[in-house]
Protein backbone atom coordinates (compact mmCIF):
# COMPACT_ATOMS: atom_id res chain seq x y z
CA MET A 1 -14.18 -2.04 16.12
CA ARG A 2 -10.76 -0.56 15.81
CA LEU A 3 -9.47 -4.24 16.52
CA ALA A 4 -11.02 -5.69 13.37
CA LEU A 5 -9.19 -3.39 11.22
CA ALA A 6 -6.08 -4.70 12.18
CA ALA A 7 -3.66 -6.57 9.52
CA GLY A 8 -4.31 -9.58 7.92
CA CYS A 9 -2.32 -12.67 7.04
CA VAL A 10 -0.02 -13.00 4.30
CA LEU A 11 -0.44 -15.84 1.56
CA ALA A 12 2.60 -17.08 0.10
CA VAL A 13 1.83 -16.74 -3.85
CA ALA A 14 5.42 -17.29 -5.12
CA ALA A 15 8.20 -19.98 -4.29
CA SER A 16 11.03 -17.45 -4.54
CA PRO A 17 9.74 -13.87 -3.44
CA ALA A 18 11.29 -10.56 -5.30
CA PRO A 19 13.94 -9.26 -2.87
CA ALA A 20 12.33 -5.80 -1.44
CA PRO A 21 14.05 -2.68 -1.86
CA ALA A 22 16.08 -1.25 1.27
CA GLN A 23 13.51 1.31 1.86
CA PHE A 24 10.47 -0.97 1.92
CA ARG A 25 9.66 -2.44 5.46
CA GLN A 26 6.93 -5.00 5.08
CA LYS A 27 5.99 -4.02 8.87
CA ASP A 28 6.03 -0.50 8.42
CA PHE A 29 3.90 -0.56 5.56
CA ASP A 30 1.33 -3.12 7.45
CA ALA A 31 1.11 -0.23 10.11
CA TYR A 32 0.54 2.33 7.50
CA VAL A 33 -2.43 0.02 5.97
CA THR A 34 -4.32 -0.57 9.01
CA ARG A 35 -4.25 3.24 9.84
CA GLY A 36 -5.34 3.95 6.37
CA LEU A 37 -7.99 1.61 6.87
CA ASP A 38 -9.24 3.99 9.77
CA VAL A 39 -8.37 7.09 8.65
CA LEU A 40 -10.22 6.34 5.22
CA ASN A 41 -13.05 4.73 6.75
CA THR A 42 -12.14 1.07 4.59
CA PRO A 43 -13.13 -2.11 6.02
CA GLY A 44 -10.50 -3.98 3.79
CA ALA A 45 -8.30 -4.36 1.60
CA ALA A 46 -5.84 -6.48 -0.54
CA ILE A 47 -2.86 -6.07 -2.05
CA ALA A 48 -0.26 -7.93 -4.32
CA VAL A 49 3.03 -6.25 -5.65
CA VAL A 50 5.19 -8.26 -8.68
CA LYS A 51 8.57 -7.05 -9.19
CA ASN A 52 11.39 -8.80 -11.89
CA GLY A 53 8.56 -11.15 -12.48
CA LYS A 54 7.75 -12.64 -9.33
CA VAL A 55 5.58 -11.47 -6.17
CA LEU A 56 7.24 -9.62 -3.77
CA PHE A 57 3.94 -10.13 -1.57
CA ALA A 58 0.48 -10.48 -1.59
CA LYS A 59 -1.75 -9.94 1.74
CA GLY A 60 -4.91 -9.11 2.87
CA TYR A 61 -5.81 -6.61 5.45
CA GLY A 62 -9.04 -6.08 7.66
CA VAL A 63 -12.56 -7.62 6.84
CA ARG A 64 -14.40 -8.18 4.29
CA THR A 65 -17.39 -7.30 5.59
CA ARG A 66 -17.99 -4.16 8.41
CA GLY A 67 -18.84 -5.35 11.88
CA THR A 68 -17.80 -8.86 11.33
CA THR A 69 -14.52 -11.53 11.86
CA ASP A 70 -14.52 -12.49 8.29
CA ARG A 71 -11.05 -11.00 7.37
CA VAL A 72 -9.56 -10.60 3.66
CA ASP A 73 -6.33 -12.30 2.63
CA ALA A 74 -4.87 -12.64 -1.05
CA HIS A 75 -7.78 -14.76 -2.69
CA THR A 76 -10.66 -12.52 -1.16
CA LEU A 77 -12.90 -11.78 -4.22
CA PHE A 78 -13.67 -7.85 -5.37
CA GLN A 79 -15.24 -6.19 -8.46
CA ILE A 80 -12.29 -4.64 -10.03
CA ALA A 81 -14.93 -2.47 -11.91
CA SER A 82 -12.93 -0.25 -14.76
CA ASN A 83 -9.89 -2.09 -14.46
CA THR A 84 -11.86 -4.62 -16.83
CA LYS A 85 -11.06 -2.37 -19.36
CA ALA A 86 -7.48 -3.40 -19.86
CA PHE A 87 -9.06 -6.91 -20.28
CA THR A 88 -11.18 -5.86 -22.97
CA THR A 89 -8.24 -4.12 -25.25
CA ALA A 90 -6.34 -6.95 -24.66
CA ALA A 91 -9.14 -9.33 -26.35
CA LEU A 92 -9.14 -7.21 -28.92
CA ALA A 93 -5.16 -6.86 -28.79
CA ILE A 94 -5.10 -10.88 -29.16
CA LEU A 95 -7.85 -10.68 -32.05
CA ALA A 96 -5.61 -8.12 -33.57
CA ASP A 97 -2.36 -10.92 -33.72
CA ASP A 98 -5.03 -13.60 -35.02
CA GLY A 99 -5.92 -11.05 -37.86
CA LYS A 100 -9.80 -10.95 -37.22
CA VAL A 101 -9.15 -7.32 -36.37
CA SER A 102 -7.37 -3.81 -36.74
CA TRP A 103 -7.15 -1.14 -34.25
CA ASP A 104 -8.29 0.99 -37.38
CA ASP A 105 -11.12 -0.91 -38.87
CA PRO A 106 -14.31 0.81 -38.63
CA VAL A 107 -16.96 -0.69 -36.03
CA THR A 108 -19.70 -1.33 -38.60
CA LYS A 109 -17.29 -3.51 -40.18
CA PHE A 110 -18.49 -6.07 -37.01
CA LEU A 111 -21.55 -4.11 -36.26
CA PRO A 112 -23.75 -3.20 -39.30
CA GLY A 113 -26.05 -1.58 -37.15
CA PHE A 114 -23.76 0.72 -34.90
CA GLN A 115 -25.17 3.99 -35.44
CA LEU A 116 -23.85 6.94 -33.24
CA TYR A 117 -25.78 10.48 -33.31
CA ASP A 118 -23.65 11.68 -36.27
CA PRO A 119 -24.05 9.90 -39.33
CA TYR A 120 -19.98 11.06 -40.52
CA VAL A 121 -18.54 9.82 -37.10
CA THR A 122 -20.65 6.60 -37.37
CA ARG A 123 -18.83 5.95 -40.99
CA GLU A 124 -15.46 7.19 -39.49
CA PHE A 125 -15.79 5.47 -35.62
CA THR A 126 -12.76 2.63 -35.12
CA LEU A 127 -12.04 0.21 -32.91
CA ARG A 128 -9.48 2.31 -31.45
CA ASP A 129 -11.99 5.23 -31.22
CA LEU A 130 -14.21 2.65 -29.25
CA VAL A 131 -11.75 2.45 -26.16
CA THR A 132 -9.94 5.90 -26.29
CA HIS A 133 -12.66 8.34 -24.99
CA ARG A 134 -12.74 10.58 -27.76
CA SER A 135 -15.67 9.97 -29.22
CA GLY A 136 -17.52 13.31 -28.65
CA LEU A 137 -20.20 12.14 -26.31
CA GLY A 138 -19.89 13.73 -22.21
CA LEU A 139 -18.76 12.38 -19.49
CA GLY A 140 -20.24 8.98 -18.79
CA ALA A 141 -23.14 8.87 -21.89
CA GLY A 142 -25.50 6.56 -21.56
CA ASP A 143 -24.58 5.45 -17.94
CA LEU A 144 -28.06 5.55 -17.06
CA LEU A 145 -28.68 2.46 -19.91
CA TRP A 146 -27.02 -0.25 -17.94
CA PHE A 147 -26.70 1.19 -14.36
CA HIS A 148 -29.27 -1.21 -12.23
CA SER A 149 -30.91 -1.91 -15.70
CA ASN A 150 -32.36 -4.66 -17.50
CA TYR A 151 -31.23 -3.62 -20.70
CA SER A 152 -28.88 -6.14 -22.70
CA ARG A 153 -25.77 -5.31 -23.68
CA ALA A 154 -26.81 -5.47 -27.82
CA GLU A 155 -29.49 -3.28 -26.76
CA ILE A 156 -27.07 -0.79 -25.12
CA ALA A 157 -25.30 -0.29 -27.92
CA TYR A 158 -28.31 0.13 -30.20
CA ARG A 159 -29.61 2.87 -27.68
CA ILE A 160 -26.61 5.00 -27.99
CA ARG A 161 -27.16 6.12 -31.19
CA PHE A 162 -29.04 9.27 -29.28
CA ALA A 163 -27.36 10.38 -26.99
CA LYS A 164 -25.87 13.73 -28.55
CA PRO A 165 -22.13 14.61 -28.63
CA VAL A 166 -21.13 17.65 -26.79
CA SER A 167 -17.74 17.88 -28.75
CA SER A 168 -16.46 17.84 -31.95
CA PHE A 169 -15.35 14.08 -32.48
CA ARG A 170 -11.45 13.01 -31.41
CA SER A 171 -11.23 16.43 -30.02
CA ARG A 172 -12.14 16.18 -26.67
CA TYR A 173 -11.02 13.66 -23.59
CA ALA A 174 -14.51 12.23 -21.97
CA TYR A 175 -14.80 9.04 -20.02
CA ASP A 176 -17.20 6.59 -21.34
CA ASN A 177 -18.61 3.16 -20.17
CA VAL A 178 -20.86 2.30 -22.88
CA LEU A 179 -18.44 2.28 -25.71
CA TYR A 180 -16.51 -0.46 -23.97
CA ILE A 181 -19.95 -2.62 -24.19
CA VAL A 182 -19.99 -1.98 -27.81
CA ALA A 183 -16.53 -3.24 -27.90
CA GLY A 184 -17.11 -6.59 -26.04
CA GLU A 185 -19.56 -6.77 -28.71
CA VAL A 186 -17.07 -6.12 -31.33
CA VAL A 187 -14.91 -8.76 -29.44
CA ALA A 188 -17.82 -11.40 -29.77
CA ALA A 189 -18.48 -11.00 -33.64
CA ALA A 190 -14.84 -11.14 -34.48
CA ALA A 191 -14.48 -14.12 -31.85
CA GLY A 192 -17.42 -15.81 -32.62
CA ALA A 193 -17.77 -16.11 -29.04
CA SER A 194 -18.81 -14.47 -26.42
CA TRP A 195 -16.86 -11.84 -24.80
CA ASP A 196 -17.13 -13.60 -21.26
CA ASP A 197 -16.18 -16.89 -22.76
CA PHE A 198 -13.18 -15.06 -24.68
CA VAL A 199 -11.62 -13.48 -21.93
CA GLN A 200 -12.22 -16.96 -19.74
CA ARG A 201 -10.79 -19.07 -22.69
CA ARG A 202 -7.73 -16.95 -23.89
CA ILE A 203 -6.85 -14.85 -20.62
CA PHE A 204 -8.02 -16.43 -17.63
CA ALA A 205 -7.20 -19.49 -18.33
CA PRO A 206 -3.60 -19.29 -19.82
CA LEU A 207 -2.46 -17.55 -17.14
CA GLY A 208 -4.08 -19.91 -14.29
CA MET A 209 -6.21 -17.13 -13.39
CA THR A 210 -8.46 -19.29 -11.36
CA GLU A 211 -9.90 -17.08 -9.14
CA SER A 212 -11.40 -15.02 -11.82
CA GLY A 213 -15.01 -14.25 -13.28
CA THR A 214 -17.01 -12.06 -15.80
CA THR A 215 -20.43 -12.34 -13.80
CA THR A 216 -22.22 -10.82 -10.56
CA GLY A 217 -23.20 -14.04 -10.03
CA PHE A 218 -19.66 -15.53 -9.81
CA PHE A 219 -19.33 -12.31 -7.10
CA THR A 220 -21.92 -12.90 -5.28
CA SER A 221 -21.77 -16.72 -5.23
CA SER A 222 -18.04 -16.86 -3.71
CA PRO A 223 -18.10 -17.67 0.34
CA ASN A 224 -14.66 -15.46 -0.04
CA ALA A 225 -15.74 -12.14 -1.36
CA ALA A 226 -16.22 -8.92 0.07
CA SER A 227 -19.05 -6.66 0.99
CA PRO A 228 -19.49 -3.06 -1.00
CA HIS A 229 -19.19 -0.54 2.03
CA ALA A 230 -20.07 3.13 1.62
CA VAL A 231 -20.92 6.41 3.68
CA GLU A 232 -25.01 6.56 4.12
CA ASN A 233 -26.27 9.13 6.06
CA GLY A 234 -22.80 9.59 7.91
CA ARG A 235 -22.52 6.07 8.54
CA LEU A 236 -20.40 3.47 7.00
CA GLN A 237 -22.71 0.24 5.99
CA VAL A 238 -22.84 -2.40 3.48
CA VAL A 239 -24.56 -1.31 0.19
CA PRO A 240 -26.33 -3.48 -2.75
CA VAL A 241 -23.91 -4.89 -4.90
CA ASP A 242 -23.46 -3.45 -8.19
CA SER A 243 -25.25 -5.91 -11.10
CA VAL A 244 -22.60 -5.70 -13.94
CA GLU A 245 -23.80 -8.52 -16.66
CA ASN A 246 -24.96 -5.37 -18.92
CA ILE A 247 -21.60 -3.66 -18.69
CA ALA A 248 -19.16 -6.45 -18.56
CA PRO A 249 -16.74 -5.50 -20.78
CA ALA A 250 -16.33 -2.09 -19.04
CA GLY A 251 -16.38 -3.23 -15.44
CA GLY A 252 -17.75 -6.76 -15.31
CA ILE A 253 -14.41 -8.68 -13.92
CA ALA A 254 -14.48 -9.74 -10.22
CA SER A 255 -10.63 -10.80 -8.92
CA SER A 256 -8.52 -11.72 -6.65
CA VAL A 257 -4.94 -10.24 -6.03
CA THR A 258 -3.27 -13.77 -6.01
CA ASP A 259 -5.18 -14.04 -9.82
CA LEU A 260 -4.34 -9.94 -10.49
CA ALA A 261 -0.51 -10.33 -9.89
CA LYS A 262 -0.50 -13.04 -12.73
CA TRP A 263 -1.81 -10.41 -14.70
CA LEU A 264 0.36 -8.10 -13.60
CA LYS A 265 3.33 -9.99 -14.63
CA CYS A 266 2.51 -10.83 -17.90
CA ARG A 267 1.38 -7.33 -18.88
CA LEU A 268 5.46 -6.47 -17.61
CA ASP A 269 6.58 -8.82 -19.76
CA SER A 270 5.07 -7.42 -22.73
CA GLY A 271 2.50 -10.46 -23.27
CA ARG A 272 4.92 -13.24 -22.29
CA TYR A 273 3.57 -15.92 -19.67
CA ALA A 274 5.45 -19.42 -18.78
CA GLY A 275 3.34 -20.83 -21.29
CA GLY A 276 3.26 -18.59 -23.99
CA ARG A 277 2.27 -15.45 -25.30
CA LEU A 278 -1.43 -13.88 -24.60
CA PHE A 279 -0.20 -10.86 -27.26
CA SER A 280 2.68 -10.32 -29.45
CA GLU A 281 5.34 -7.35 -27.92
CA ARG A 282 3.83 -4.89 -30.95
CA GLN A 283 0.29 -5.16 -29.42
CA ALA A 284 1.81 -4.35 -26.07
CA ARG A 285 3.44 -1.64 -27.21
CA GLU A 286 0.45 -0.19 -28.99
CA MET A 287 -1.69 -0.74 -25.95
CA TRP A 288 0.61 1.30 -23.61
CA SER A 289 0.87 4.37 -26.31
CA GLY A 290 -0.82 7.82 -25.76
CA GLN A 291 -3.80 7.96 -28.13
CA THR A 292 -5.71 10.83 -26.82
CA ILE A 293 -3.98 13.83 -24.21
CA LEU A 294 -5.81 14.14 -21.23
CA PRO A 295 -6.06 17.49 -19.52
CA ILE A 296 -3.86 18.33 -16.75
CA ALA A 297 -5.89 20.06 -13.95
CA ASP A 298 -4.09 21.18 -10.37
CA PRO A 299 -4.82 18.76 -7.79
CA PRO A 300 -6.25 19.84 -4.36
CA PRO A 301 -3.07 21.05 -2.16
CA PRO A 302 -2.77 18.42 -0.08
CA LEU A 303 -2.28 16.35 -3.36
CA ALA A 304 0.19 18.90 -5.18
CA ALA A 305 2.91 16.03 -5.55
CA LEU A 306 0.92 14.26 -7.86
CA ARG A 307 0.53 17.00 -10.61
CA PRO A 308 1.79 14.90 -13.51
CA ALA A 309 4.32 16.41 -16.45
CA PHE A 310 1.99 14.23 -19.13
CA SER A 311 -1.31 12.71 -19.25
CA GLU A 312 -2.63 10.58 -21.77
CA TYR A 313 -5.31 7.43 -22.59
CA GLY A 314 -3.52 4.77 -24.37
CA LEU A 315 -5.81 1.27 -25.25
CA GLY A 316 -7.58 0.49 -21.75
CA TRP A 317 -4.89 2.16 -19.92
CA ARG A 318 -4.08 5.77 -18.03
CA LEU A 319 -0.38 6.86 -19.15
CA ARG A 320 1.57 9.49 -17.09
CA ASP A 321 4.66 10.25 -15.18
CA TYR A 322 5.79 10.10 -11.57
CA ARG A 323 8.67 10.79 -9.72
CA GLY A 324 10.56 10.89 -13.81
CA ARG A 325 9.39 7.20 -14.70
CA LYS A 326 6.10 6.36 -16.78
CA ILE A 327 3.28 5.03 -15.27
CA VAL A 328 0.46 2.54 -16.94
CA SER A 329 -2.49 2.75 -14.50
CA HIS A 330 -6.30 2.35 -14.23
CA THR A 331 -8.70 2.69 -11.14
CA GLY A 332 -11.94 1.42 -10.72
CA GLY A 333 -15.13 1.72 -8.91
CA LEU A 334 -18.76 0.15 -8.47
CA ALA A 335 -20.90 0.51 -5.52
CA GLY A 336 -18.89 0.19 -2.11
CA MET A 337 -15.59 -0.80 -4.72
CA SER A 338 -12.88 1.08 -4.94
CA SER A 339 -9.13 -0.35 -6.96
CA GLN A 340 -6.13 0.37 -8.95
CA ILE A 341 -3.82 -1.13 -10.64
CA THR A 342 -0.12 0.59 -11.25
CA LEU A 343 2.74 -0.46 -13.31
CA VAL A 344 6.37 1.02 -13.74
CA PRO A 345 7.44 -0.70 -16.91
CA ALA A 346 11.13 0.58 -16.49
CA GLU A 347 11.19 -0.99 -13.25
CA LYS A 348 9.40 -4.64 -13.94
CA LEU A 349 7.07 -3.34 -11.35
CA GLY A 350 3.47 -3.68 -10.44
CA ILE A 351 0.84 -3.26 -7.79
CA VAL A 352 -2.79 -4.18 -7.53
CA ILE A 353 -5.15 -2.53 -4.46
CA LEU A 354 -8.61 -3.66 -4.15
CA THR A 355 -10.76 -2.03 -1.43
CA ASN A 356 -14.40 -2.39 -0.55
CA SER A 357 -15.24 1.10 0.32
CA GLU A 358 -15.46 4.47 -1.92
CA ALA A 359 -12.44 5.94 0.05
CA ASP A 360 -8.88 6.89 -1.90
CA LEU A 361 -7.74 4.42 0.20
CA MET A 362 -6.47 2.59 -3.12
CA ALA A 363 -4.40 6.09 -4.23
CA ALA A 364 -2.88 6.73 -0.80
CA LEU A 365 -1.42 3.22 -0.63
CA THR A 366 -0.46 2.84 -4.14
CA TYR A 367 1.74 6.28 -3.79
CA ARG A 368 2.79 5.08 -0.20
CA LEU A 369 4.11 1.57 -2.11
CA LEU A 370 6.00 4.19 -5.02
CA ASP A 371 7.22 6.08 -2.86
CA ASP A 372 8.84 2.86 -1.19
CA LEU A 373 9.77 0.76 -3.65
CA LEU A 374 11.44 3.49 -6.21
CA GLU A 375 13.27 4.63 -2.96
CA ALA A 376 11.85 8.42 -3.00
CA PRO A 377 13.91 10.74 -1.16
CA ARG A 378 12.75 12.00 2.45
CA PRO A 379 10.43 13.86 3.28
CA ARG A 380 7.64 12.46 1.59
CA THR A 381 3.95 13.09 1.36
CA ASP A 382 1.58 11.09 4.24
CA TRP A 383 -0.59 10.31 1.17
CA VAL A 384 -3.46 8.89 4.07
CA ALA A 385 -3.39 11.88 5.29
CA GLY A 386 -3.32 13.90 1.93
CA PHE A 387 -6.25 12.13 0.23
CA ALA A 388 -8.46 12.14 3.68
CA GLN A 389 -7.62 16.11 3.33
CA ALA A 390 -8.58 16.50 0.07
CA SER A 391 -11.69 14.36 0.72
CA ARG A 392 -12.89 17.00 3.44
CA LEU A 393 -12.42 19.51 1.16
CA ALA A 394 -14.56 18.59 -1.74
CA ARG A 395 -17.11 17.18 1.00
CA ALA A 396 -17.19 21.35 2.70
CA GLY A 397 -17.24 22.52 -1.05
CA ALA A 398 -20.10 20.27 -1.69
CA ASP A 399 -21.69 21.08 1.37
CA SER A 400 -21.68 24.68 0.92
CA LEU A 401 -23.03 25.01 -2.85
CA LEU A 402 -25.64 22.71 -1.29
CA ARG A 403 -26.54 24.94 1.90
CA ALA A 404 -26.55 27.89 -0.95
CA SER A 405 -29.14 25.78 -2.82
CA ARG A 406 -31.80 25.50 0.11
CA SER A 407 -30.79 29.03 1.33
CA ALA A 408 -32.13 30.63 -2.50
CA ARG A 409 -34.94 27.91 -2.65
CA ASP A 410 -38.37 29.56 -2.36
CA SER A 411 -40.17 26.62 -0.44
CA ALA A 412 -43.86 29.41 -0.89
CA ALA A 413 -43.55 28.77 -4.72
CA GLY A 414 -45.62 25.80 -5.17
CA PRO A 415 -46.24 23.69 -8.52
CA SER A 416 -48.12 25.16 -11.35
CA LEU A 417 -49.98 22.10 -11.64
CA ALA A 418 -52.14 20.05 -9.41
CA LEU A 419 -49.83 16.61 -8.57
CA GLU A 420 -52.02 14.51 -10.60
CA ARG A 421 -51.58 16.61 -13.57
CA TYR A 422 -47.96 15.60 -13.62
CA ALA A 423 -48.58 11.69 -13.73
CA GLY A 424 -48.50 10.04 -16.98
CA ARG A 425 -46.34 8.22 -19.05
CA TYR A 426 -42.90 9.57 -20.57
CA SER A 427 -40.21 8.45 -23.27
CA ASP A 428 -36.67 9.75 -23.24
CA ASP A 429 -35.03 9.10 -26.69
CA LEU A 430 -31.80 7.84 -24.89
CA TYR A 431 -33.41 5.86 -22.21
CA GLY A 432 -36.93 5.21 -23.07
CA GLY A 433 -39.79 5.36 -20.79
CA ALA A 434 -40.66 6.18 -17.30
CA GLU A 435 -43.70 6.65 -15.73
CA LEU A 436 -45.01 9.58 -12.82
CA ALA A 437 -47.98 7.89 -10.66
CA LEU A 438 -49.96 9.99 -7.85
CA VAL A 439 -50.09 7.19 -4.84
CA ALA A 440 -51.27 8.36 -1.48
CA GLY A 441 -50.86 11.79 -2.56
CA LYS A 442 -47.41 12.22 -3.57
CA LEU A 443 -45.84 11.67 -7.04
CA VAL A 444 -43.74 8.44 -7.62
CA LEU A 445 -41.21 7.97 -10.65
CA ARG A 446 -40.11 5.00 -12.21
CA PHE A 447 -37.44 3.95 -14.56
CA SER A 448 -39.27 1.56 -16.98
CA ARG A 449 -35.81 -0.46 -17.27
CA SER A 450 -34.69 0.17 -14.14
CA PRO A 451 -36.25 -1.56 -11.21
CA ALA A 452 -33.96 0.34 -8.61
CA PHE A 453 -34.88 3.85 -9.90
CA VAL A 454 -38.25 4.07 -8.16
CA GLY A 455 -38.39 7.66 -6.21
CA ASP A 456 -40.61 9.52 -4.11
CA LEU A 457 -40.82 13.18 -5.35
CA GLU A 458 -40.56 15.93 -2.90
CA HIS A 459 -41.36 19.25 -4.40
CA TRP A 460 -38.71 21.75 -4.27
CA GLN A 461 -40.10 24.81 -5.59
CA TYR A 462 -42.22 26.07 -8.52
CA ASP A 463 -42.23 23.22 -11.13
CA SER A 464 -39.55 21.38 -9.36
CA PHE A 465 -38.82 18.18 -7.07
CA ILE A 466 -36.31 15.85 -5.81
CA ALA A 467 -36.54 12.02 -6.23
CA HIS A 468 -35.64 9.92 -3.21
CA TRP A 469 -34.76 6.58 -4.73
CA ARG A 470 -35.94 3.89 -2.53
CA THR A 471 -32.84 2.12 -3.47
CA ARG A 472 -30.26 2.73 -1.15
CA HIS A 473 -26.99 4.55 -2.63
CA LEU A 474 -28.47 5.95 -5.47
CA GLU A 475 -28.16 9.91 -6.03
CA ASP A 476 -31.17 12.12 -5.39
CA ALA A 477 -31.88 14.04 -8.62
CA TYR A 478 -33.83 16.73 -9.41
CA VAL A 479 -36.64 16.62 -11.69
CA THR A 480 -38.02 19.85 -13.70
CA PHE A 481 -41.26 20.25 -15.48
CA ALA A 482 -41.53 23.22 -18.46
CA LEU A 483 -44.92 23.80 -19.32
CA HIS A 484 -46.70 24.81 -22.95
CA PRO A 485 -48.42 28.07 -22.70
CA ASP A 486 -51.83 26.44 -22.55
CA GLY A 487 -50.73 24.61 -19.16
CA SER A 488 -49.77 21.24 -20.62
CA ILE A 489 -46.77 19.60 -19.83
CA ASP A 490 -44.17 19.59 -21.99
CA LYS A 491 -41.08 17.70 -20.80
CA PHE A 492 -38.91 17.25 -17.52
CA GLN A 493 -35.27 17.03 -17.54
CA MET A 494 -32.93 15.80 -14.65
CA ALA A 495 -30.29 16.78 -12.28
CA ALA A 496 -27.88 15.16 -9.33
CA VAL A 497 -28.46 17.14 -6.34
CA SER A 498 -25.15 16.41 -4.80
CA PRO A 499 -22.03 18.03 -6.60
CA LEU A 500 -20.31 15.06 -5.57
CA ALA A 501 -22.37 12.62 -7.40
CA ASP A 502 -20.66 9.96 -9.74
CA PHE A 503 -20.66 11.09 -13.29
CA SER A 504 -22.55 7.69 -13.93
CA PHE A 505 -25.65 9.56 -12.70
CA ASP A 506 -25.85 11.27 -15.89
CA TYR A 507 -29.34 12.39 -15.21
CA GLN A 508 -28.51 15.87 -17.60
CA ASP A 509 -28.29 13.58 -20.53
CA LEU A 510 -32.52 12.49 -20.28
CA LEU A 511 -35.13 14.91 -21.65
CA PHE A 512 -38.65 13.22 -20.64
CA ARG A 513 -41.39 14.08 -23.11
CA PRO A 514 -45.29 13.21 -22.18
CA LEU A 515 -46.70 10.16 -24.30
CA PRO A 516 -50.31 9.96 -25.14
CA ALA A 517 -52.37 8.25 -22.57
CA THR A 518 -52.89 5.11 -24.38
CA PRO A 519 -52.10 1.36 -24.02
CA GLU A 520 -49.39 1.79 -26.87
CA ALA A 521 -46.30 -0.60 -25.99
CA GLU A 522 -43.44 1.45 -24.43
CA PRO A 523 -40.56 2.51 -26.89
């Protein structure tokens, strides 16, 4: 199996490649990638680097699917997840140049029915607020509205009004996907075309990005698409592809490094490309200007060198410093897919790394490339080793918390009610309906609008259970009931079991209350 992870072939994507800095040696880097694939448990990766308007290299490594010989190349498709967000802000910038929107227009100018929980925030909420993660909502608020659900974008944009804020408006950074769905609806309203069609016509087509699309079908129908991989039960394996139609403006694009190299060259040249401009230089500056201050936490010890002097969020981009240069970057993650795009504007340098696992290989290789291409002094950090050690520390901490939770469990404390009394129909204002049914003596939980979320409930203690979802790679959740004094059910709430659960499993934002036992339509 180790042999299947050997470096892939180079594909020429530029007639005259840019000269490499003296400290960059392709063979040394190729060997480093091969080691990284092994150490960080990743089947394959694709990488492109642009410098001074030319492609330094674009290359695939490893395999598209574990256990096969299907090699990754520079044209292999990956889901780029949240690296899509910069395309959505670019679409808004194009519309701003067209005179159809302004960053400080209220969202309700384009979507009159849009609401957030607080009427004041609804009235004041601008397009700039939509894309800068300062709404006052909690981290990942509303993600379960799109995650494996059949809600449309318009329905998700409607239901976010029920998400309660956790901080005051514009006071704190908290990453959010749903508001980028709303931003995509603004693009559609202002352009008179769907977000997908606008991105295809005004971004992909001018740049010649013929290997990029906005739908799950585009990705899965390609004969050269990478398979998503994640660790399940201690073993790396293929996991289900995340469906992204309803969250496309926040994370739906699939692309190759060949296409994304064209995107990087355009961004590094302030929106210019061979045939003209995507957006004005003014808009280019605006998108890379800090809008929201990000808190700076100390990285784990193996990654101490990554602590920045400043950290901000722009319009679809993160802004920080590394080795004295301003770095413009973003990461992306879906089930079994991770990516990172990094630009160093002062050096006209851009890096894109796409991988088919959930490890931090894309970050480790990014910083190795930055050290080589910025000619950092030696000795240097071994980033593969550093990220591997940081992962082990995080896993050890999570395992310790889980062991403590299990040791504190009172397994003899049974539920207050007979199991059939927990069964019934429930509703949460934000998400909608759920149903608990007693099947063969066990409770089964179903989320009404998310077919993947069917879970078998295992009793934990007292009136708490654990939902084990039947679809692989969904995080287990505690399900805890509260009772009225008369013994009837008041509500149930949820929380992720693992401390390492992705924030998109925002179970904590849900509060389900029982519905009357009538055949009423689901809310």
